[in-house]
Amino acid sequence: MFKQFVDKAAGVEMYLIVSLVIFLVFFILVGLLLIKMNKKHIQYMSALPISEPESSPFSGKFKTNN
């Protein structure tokens, strides 16, 4: 069914090729970014929800009444 719409539309091939190229370029760039990313930064970010950072910018500014 979808092929009938694609076959009847003129000039659709170019849109399909451009969208495929954009898709591939995006994921190749994201892959390269992840490969070149600092491994210490990845470990730090992966532990953030679980552990508190050793030095917090807000550590001395707020006092709690516990």
PDB file of N, CA and C in Angstrom:
ATOM      1  N   MET A   1       0.822  -1.191   0.000  1.00  0.00           N
ATOM      2  CA  MET A   1       0.000   0.000   0.000  1.00  0.00           C
ATOM      3  C   MET A   1       0.869   1.260   0.000  1.00  0.00           C
ATOM      4  N   PHE A   2       1.866   1.303   0.848  1.00  0.00           N
ATOM      5  CA  PHE A   2       2.732   2.481   0.917  1.00  0.00           C
ATOM      6  C   PHE A   2       3.517   2.650  -0.377  1.00  0.00           C
ATOM      7  N   LYS A   3       3.892   1.539  -1.008  1.00  0.00           N
ATOM      8  CA  LYS A   3       4.670   1.606  -2.242  1.00  0.00           C
ATOM      9  C   LYS A   3       3.886   2.293  -3.360  1.00  0.00           C
ATOM     10  N   GLN A   4       2.572   2.143  -3.368  1.00  0.00           N
ATOM     11  CA  GLN A   4       1.755   2.792  -4.387  1.00  0.00           C
ATOM     12  C   GLN A   4       1.832   4.310  -4.277  1.00  0.00           C
ATOM     13  N   PHE A   5       1.841   4.824  -3.058  1.00  0.00           N
ATOM     14  CA  PHE A   5       1.950   6.278  -2.873  1.00  0.00           C
ATOM     15  C   PHE A   5       3.326   6.784  -3.285  1.00  0.00           C
ATOM     16  N   VAL A   6       4.350   6.015  -2.971  1.00  0.00           N
ATOM     17  CA  VAL A   6       5.716   6.424  -3.307  1.00  0.00           C
ATOM     18  C   VAL A   6       5.932   6.370  -4.811  1.00  0.00           C
ATOM     19  N   ASP A   7       5.387   5.354  -5.475  1.00  0.00           N
ATOM     20  CA  ASP A   7       5.576   5.233  -6.919  1.00  0.00           C
ATOM     21  C   ASP A   7       4.849   6.325  -7.694  1.00  0.00           C
ATOM     22  N   LYS A   8       3.707   6.773  -7.202  1.00  0.00           N
ATOM     23  CA  LYS A   8       2.925   7.770  -7.925  1.00  0.00           C
ATOM     24  C   LYS A   8       3.461   9.190  -7.735  1.00  0.00           C
ATOM     25  N   ALA A   9       4.167   9.447  -6.654  1.00  0.00           N
ATOM     26  CA  ALA A   9       4.687  10.788  -6.407  1.00  0.00           C
ATOM     27  C   ALA A   9       5.972  10.991  -7.203  1.00  0.00           C
ATOM     28  N   ALA A  10       6.085  12.139  -7.839  1.00  0.00           N
ATOM     29  CA  ALA A  10       7.266  12.435  -8.646  1.00  0.00           C
ATOM     30  C   ALA A  10       8.337  13.091  -7.786  1.00  0.00           C
ATOM     31  N   GLY A  11       9.556  12.663  -7.959  1.00  0.00           N
ATOM     32  CA  GLY A  11      10.675  13.276  -7.251  1.00  0.00           C
ATOM     33  C   GLY A  11      10.848  12.819  -5.816  1.00  0.00           C
ATOM     34  N   VAL A  12      10.226  11.726  -5.446  1.00  0.00           N
ATOM     35  CA  VAL A  12      10.296  11.250  -4.069  1.00  0.00           C
ATOM     36  C   VAL A  12      11.653  10.607  -3.786  1.00  0.00           C
ATOM     37  N   GLU A  13      12.288  10.076  -4.815  1.00  0.00           N
ATOM     38  CA  GLU A  13      13.560   9.393  -4.615  1.00  0.00           C
ATOM     39  C   GLU A  13      14.592  10.300  -3.959  1.00  0.00           C
ATOM     40  N   MET A  14      14.599  11.552  -4.356  1.00  0.00           N
ATOM     41  CA  MET A  14      15.581  12.490  -3.800  1.00  0.00           C
ATOM     42  C   MET A  14      15.327  12.715  -2.310  1.00  0.00           C
ATOM     43  N   TYR A  15      14.070  12.835  -1.900  1.00  0.00           N
ATOM     44  CA  TYR A  15      13.753  13.012  -0.486  1.00  0.00           C
ATOM     45  C   TYR A  15      14.153  11.789   0.326  1.00  0.00           C
ATOM     46  N   LEU A  16      13.951  10.606  -0.238  1.00  0.00           N
ATOM     47  CA  LEU A  16      14.331   9.380   0.465  1.00  0.00           C
ATOM     48  C   LEU A  16      15.841   9.289   0.644  1.00  0.00           C
ATOM     49  N   ILE A  17      16.589   9.645  -0.369  1.00  0.00           N
ATOM     50  CA  ILE A  17      18.048   9.594  -0.288  1.00  0.00           C
ATOM     51  C   ILE A  17      18.563  10.639   0.683  1.00  0.00           C
ATOM     52  N   VAL A  18      18.026  11.850   0.635  1.00  0.00           N
ATOM     53  CA  VAL A  18      18.472  12.919   1.537  1.00  0.00           C
ATOM     54  C   VAL A  18      18.160  12.561   2.986  1.00  0.00           C
ATOM     55  N   SER A  19      16.989  12.005   3.245  1.00  0.00           N
ATOM     56  CA  SER A  19      16.655  11.633   4.618  1.00  0.00           C
ATOM     57  C   SER A  19      17.549  10.506   5.114  1.00  0.00           C
ATOM     58  N   LEU A  20      17.905   9.564   4.268  1.00  0.00           N
ATOM     59  CA  LEU A  20      18.822   8.489   4.652  1.00  0.00           C
ATOM     60  C   LEU A  20      20.209   9.041   4.956  1.00  0.00           C
ATOM     61  N   VAL A  21      20.682   9.970   4.141  1.00  0.00           N
ATOM     62  CA  VAL A  21      22.003  10.569   4.365  1.00  0.00           C
ATOM     63  C   VAL A  21      22.020  11.353   5.668  1.00  0.00           C
ATOM     64  N   ILE A  22      20.977  12.129   5.938  1.00  0.00           N
ATOM     65  CA  ILE A  22      20.905  12.889   7.189  1.00  0.00           C
ATOM     66  C   ILE A  22      20.896  11.937   8.383  1.00  0.00           C
ATOM     67  N   PHE A  23      20.138  10.862   8.302  1.00  0.00           N
ATOM     68  CA  PHE A  23      20.075   9.865   9.365  1.00  0.00           C
ATOM     69  C   PHE A  23      21.451   9.249   9.619  1.00  0.00           C
ATOM     70  N   LEU A  24      22.146   8.852   8.560  1.00  0.00           N
ATOM     71  CA  LEU A  24      23.457   8.225   8.720  1.00  0.00           C
ATOM     72  C   LEU A  24      24.492   9.204   9.258  1.00  0.00           C
ATOM     73  N   VAL A  25      24.503  10.419   8.761  1.00  0.00           N
ATOM     74  CA  VAL A  25      25.470  11.411   9.226  1.00  0.00           C
ATOM     75  C   VAL A  25      25.255  11.721  10.702  1.00  0.00           C
ATOM     76  N   PHE A  26      24.004  11.845  11.125  1.00  0.00           N
ATOM     77  CA  PHE A  26      23.708  12.134  12.527  1.00  0.00           C
ATOM     78  C   PHE A  26      24.244  11.030  13.433  1.00  0.00           C
ATOM     79  N   PHE A  27      23.955   9.781  13.121  1.00  0.00           N
ATOM     80  CA  PHE A  27      24.381   8.700  13.990  1.00  0.00           C
ATOM     81  C   PHE A  27      25.881   8.436  13.916  1.00  0.00           C
ATOM     82  N   ILE A  28      26.515   8.712  12.795  1.00  0.00           N
ATOM     83  CA  ILE A  28      27.970   8.605  12.730  1.00  0.00           C
ATOM     84  C   ILE A  28      28.610   9.673  13.601  1.00  0.00           C
ATOM     85  N   LEU A  29      28.082  10.904  13.553  1.00  0.00           N
ATOM     86  CA  LEU A  29      28.626  11.981  14.389  1.00  0.00           C
ATOM     87  C   LEU A  29      28.423  11.688  15.879  1.00  0.00           C
ATOM     88  N   VAL A  30      27.266  11.172  16.258  1.00  0.00           N
ATOM     89  CA  VAL A  30      27.022  10.826  17.654  1.00  0.00           C
ATOM     90  C   VAL A  30      27.968   9.709  18.088  1.00  0.00           C
ATOM     91  N   GLY A  31      28.188   8.733  17.235  1.00  0.00           N
ATOM     92  CA  GLY A  31      29.123   7.648  17.544  1.00  0.00           C
ATOM     93  C   GLY A  31      30.537   8.160  17.732  1.00  0.00           C
ATOM     94  N   LEU A  32      30.978   9.052  16.851  1.00  0.00           N
ATOM     95  CA  LEU A  32      32.321   9.630  16.994  1.00  0.00           C
ATOM     96  C   LEU A  32      32.445  10.460  18.269  1.00  0.00           C
ATOM     97  N   LEU A  33      31.396  11.193  18.606  1.00  0.00           N
ATOM     98  CA  LEU A  33      31.407  11.984  19.835  1.00  0.00           C
ATOM     99  C   LEU A  33      31.543  11.082  21.058  1.00  0.00           C
ATOM    100  N   LEU A  34      30.829   9.970  21.068  1.00  0.00           N
ATOM    101  CA  LEU A  34      30.911   9.052  22.193  1.00  0.00           C
ATOM    102  C   LEU A  34      32.271   8.374  22.285  1.00  0.00           C
ATOM    103  N   ILE A  35      32.871   8.071  21.154  1.00  0.00           N
ATOM    104  CA  ILE A  35      34.193   7.444  21.172  1.00  0.00           C
ATOM    105  C   ILE A  35      35.247   8.416  21.692  1.00  0.00           C
ATOM    106  N   LYS A  36      35.152   9.687  21.295  1.00  0.00           N
ATOM    107  CA  LYS A  36      36.155  10.677  21.696  1.00  0.00           C
ATOM    108  C   LYS A  36      35.885  11.307  23.060  1.00  0.00           C
ATOM    109  N   MET A  37      34.724  11.022  23.676  1.00  0.00           N
ATOM    110  CA  MET A  37      34.382  11.632  24.955  1.00  0.00           C
ATOM    111  C   MET A  37      35.332  11.147  26.053  1.00  0.00           C
ATOM    112  N   ASN A  38      35.600  12.028  27.002  1.00  0.00           N
ATOM    113  CA  ASN A  38      36.481  11.724  28.117  1.00  0.00           C
ATOM    114  C   ASN A  38      35.866  10.614  28.974  1.00  0.00           C
ATOM    115  N   LYS A  39      36.629   9.549  29.210  1.00  0.00           N
ATOM    116  CA  LYS A  39      36.105   8.395  29.943  1.00  0.00           C
ATOM    117  C   LYS A  39      35.830   8.741  31.412  1.00  0.00           C
ATOM    118  N   LYS A  40      36.613   9.630  31.994  1.00  0.00           N
ATOM    119  CA  LYS A  40      36.365  10.035  33.381  1.00  0.00           C
ATOM    120  C   LYS A  40      35.039  10.786  33.490  1.00  0.00           C
ATOM    121  N   HIS A  41      34.736  11.589  32.496  1.00  0.00           N
ATOM    122  CA  HIS A  41      33.464  12.324  32.490  1.00  0.00           C
ATOM    123  C   HIS A  41      32.286  11.348  32.392  1.00  0.00           C
ATOM    124  N   ILE A  42      32.427  10.309  31.583  1.00  0.00           N
ATOM    125  CA  ILE A  42      31.367   9.307  31.454  1.00  0.00           C
ATOM    126  C   ILE A  42      31.147   8.597  32.783  1.00  0.00           C
ATOM    127  N   GLN A  43      32.235   8.224  33.482  1.00  0.00           N
ATOM    128  CA  GLN A  43      32.102   7.565  34.784  1.00  0.00           C
ATOM    129  C   GLN A  43      31.472   8.499  35.804  1.00  0.00           C
ATOM    130  N   TYR A  44      31.855   9.764  35.796  1.00  0.00           N
ATOM    131  CA  TYR A  44      31.284  10.743  36.723  1.00  0.00           C
ATOM    132  C   TYR A  44      29.786  10.919  36.478  1.00  0.00           C
ATOM    133  N   MET A  45      29.391  11.065  35.223  1.00  0.00           N
ATOM    134  CA  MET A  45      27.984  11.267  34.901  1.00  0.00           C
ATOM    135  C   MET A  45      27.153  10.016  35.183  1.00  0.00           C
ATOM    136  N   SER A  46      27.724   8.833  35.010  1.00  0.00           N
ATOM    137  CA  SER A  46      26.965   7.612  35.265  1.00  0.00           C
ATOM    138  C   SER A  46      26.726   7.396  36.753  1.00  0.00           C
ATOM    139  N   ALA A  47      27.592   7.957  37.614  1.00  0.00           N
ATOM    140  CA  ALA A  47      27.441   7.784  39.060  1.00  0.00           C
ATOM    141  C   ALA A  47      26.645   8.913  39.706  1.00  0.00           C
ATOM    142  N   LEU A  48      26.271   9.934  38.978  1.00  0.00           N
ATOM    143  CA  LEU A  48      25.579  11.076  39.570  1.00  0.00           C
ATOM    144  C   LEU A  48      24.260  10.729  40.266  1.00  0.00           C
ATOM    145  N   PRO A  49      23.381   9.957  39.678  1.00  0.00           N
ATOM    146  CA  PRO A  49      22.123   9.700  40.384  1.00  0.00           C
ATOM    147  C   PRO A  49      22.308   8.864  41.649  1.00  0.00           C
ATOM    148  N   ILE A  50      23.406   8.143  41.740  1.00  0.00           N
ATOM    149  CA  ILE A  50      23.622   7.223  42.856  1.00  0.00           C
ATOM    150  C   ILE A  50      24.408   7.879  43.986  1.00  0.00           C
ATOM    151  N   SER A  51      25.477   8.575  43.653  1.00  0.00           N
ATOM    152  CA  SER A  51      26.357   9.110  44.689  1.00  0.00           C
ATOM    153  C   SER A  51      26.446  10.629  44.598  1.00  0.00           C
ATOM    154  N   GLU A  52      26.754  11.230  45.731  1.00  0.00           N
ATOM    155  CA  GLU A  52      26.957  12.679  45.795  1.00  0.00           C
ATOM    156  C   GLU A  52      28.370  13.008  45.329  1.00  0.00           C
ATOM    157  N   PRO A  53      28.566  14.132  44.678  1.00  0.00           N
ATOM    158  CA  PRO A  53      29.927  14.529  44.306  1.00  0.00           C
ATOM    159  C   PRO A  53      30.735  14.881  45.548  1.00  0.00           C
ATOM    160  N   GLU A  54      32.047  14.701  45.445  1.00  0.00           N
ATOM    161  CA  GLU A  54      32.911  14.965  46.590  1.00  0.00           C
ATOM    162  C   GLU A  54      32.955  16.446  46.941  1.00  0.00           C
ATOM    163  N   SER A  55      32.975  17.301  45.960  1.00  0.00           N
ATOM    164  CA  SER A  55      32.965  18.735  46.224  1.00  0.00           C
ATOM    165  C   SER A  55      31.782  19.348  45.487  1.00  0.00           C
ATOM    166  N   SER A  56      30.851  19.862  46.240  1.00  0.00           N
ATOM    167  CA  SER A  56      29.668  20.464  45.662  1.00  0.00           C
ATOM    168  C   SER A  56      29.793  21.981  45.727  1.00  0.00           C
ATOM    169  N   PRO A  57      29.350  22.690  44.714  1.00  0.00           N
ATOM    170  CA  PRO A  57      29.423  24.153  44.772  1.00  0.00           C
ATOM    171  C   PRO A  57      28.504  24.733  45.839  1.00  0.00           C
ATOM    172  N   PHE A  58      27.532  23.970  46.318  1.00  0.00           N
ATOM    173  CA  PHE A  58      26.596  24.455  47.323  1.00  0.00           C
ATOM    174  C   PHE A  58      26.879  23.882  48.709  1.00  0.00           C
ATOM    175  N   SER A  59      28.027  23.274  48.912  1.00  0.00           N
ATOM    176  CA  SER A  59      28.272  22.557  50.161  1.00  0.00           C
ATOM    177  C   SER A  59      28.302  23.467  51.382  1.00  0.00           C
ATOM    178  N   GLY A  60      28.823  24.673  51.285  1.00  0.00           N
ATOM    179  CA  GLY A  60      28.922  25.531  52.443  1.00  0.00           C
ATOM    180  C   GLY A  60      27.901  26.645  52.489  1.00  0.00           C
ATOM    181  N   LYS A  61      27.030  26.754  51.522  1.00  0.00           N
ATOM    182  CA  LYS A  61      26.123  27.887  51.437  1.00  0.00           C
ATOM    183  C   LYS A  61      24.821  27.680  52.200  1.00  0.00           C
ATOM    184  N   PHE A  62      24.387  26.449  52.326  1.00  0.00           N
ATOM    185  CA  PHE A  62      23.113  26.198  52.979  1.00  0.00           C
ATOM    186  C   PHE A  62      23.349  25.408  54.253  1.00  0.00           C
ATOM    187  N   LYS A  63      22.670  25.786  55.295  1.00  0.00           N
ATOM    188  CA  LYS A  63      22.781  25.072  56.572  1.00  0.00           C
ATOM    189  C   LYS A  63      21.468  24.359  56.815  1.00  0.00           C
ATOM    190  N   THR A  64      21.572  23.136  57.311  1.00  0.00           N
ATOM    191  CA  THR A  64      20.367  22.377  57.657  1.00  0.00           C
ATOM    192  C   THR A  64      20.218  22.334  59.159  1.00  0.00           C
ATOM    193  N   ASN A  65      19.015  22.216  59.618  1.00  0.00           N
ATOM    194  CA  ASN A  65      18.733  22.178  61.059  1.00  0.00           C
ATOM    195  C   ASN A  65      18.438  20.754  61.497  1.00  0.00           C
ATOM    196  N   ASN A  66      19.315  19.832  61.230  1.00  0.00           N
ATOM    197  CA  ASN A  66      19.110  18.435  61.628  1.00  0.00           C
ATOM    198  C   ASN A  66      19.640  18.172  62.986  1.00  0.00           C
TER     199      ASN A  66
END
